[in-house]
Amino acid sequence: MDALNQSETAVQSIDAVPYPLAFNPVTTALLLIDMQRDFLEPGGFGDMLGNDVSLLRSTIEPCRAVLQAARQSAITVIHTREGHRPDLTDAPPSKLARGHLETGIGDEGPMGRVLVRGQPGHEIIPELSPTDNEPVIDKPGKGAFYETDLHLILQNRHIRTLIVCGVTTEVCVHTTVREANDRGYECLVLADCVGSYFPEFQHVALEMIVAQGGIFGWVSDSKSAISALLNQQEQRLSIVDCT
């Protein structure tokens, strides 16, 4: 194995709760969950439900900083979007009826049809727009593994560790982390990069992840993740310069 390959497979560490997480950048992916206009922008579905979208928008800058570091360090980056086919045939009737909403899934809203693929509200916010080489997973449910090819993509890239960001903490983030946990992935959730419309849910959801020694994974923050990602990049470049 040459020096470059040695550096690329070097184990790094991220400060986290309940204890530091050791990870290999080559087998690590950044997963950005549902950072969509419908959830984060005024006039979107979340706003129409009466939620304060500023609580979710506080995650944008930390997510953008982590995304930039992930791109610099060349780890896999994957985005997800929750939404349905235009004919709604992939949306369970119970989901469509739930809440007896005046404007619900599939109905016309300020950003087009709510949670329908191809509509303006379904798109990822411009601050975190995917590049051409970053897969986007369109999911019909809360979990990113349900009825998608996410597991296949991760397996094909030999991914073992997921750095998880996105919204909302107690719904799509938690569901995805639980699904990942059952499939053998190690999950690191960045507290300032995940958000909830309900502060009390945010706190409890993060506590649940790290309970009992990390029953679902680890919790850290954007600063720690960025430091670890850029540190491994510097080590790799240092070794390259010496060859």
Foldseek 3Di string as FASTA:
>chain_A
DDLLVVLQQDWFWFQWPPGIDIDRLLQEEEEAEAQFQLQQPCFHVVVLVVFDSVQQVLLLVLVLLLVVLCVLLVGAYAYEWAAAELVCPLPDPCQQPPPVDPQGANGQTPQGGHRYPPTRRRARDPSDHDDPRHYYWYDHALASPPPTCPVVVSVVSNHAEYEYAYDALQTSVLNNLVVSVVVRHAYEYALSRHGDSDVVSSVVSQCVQCPPNGPRHIYHHSVRSSVRSVVSVVVSVVSVVVD
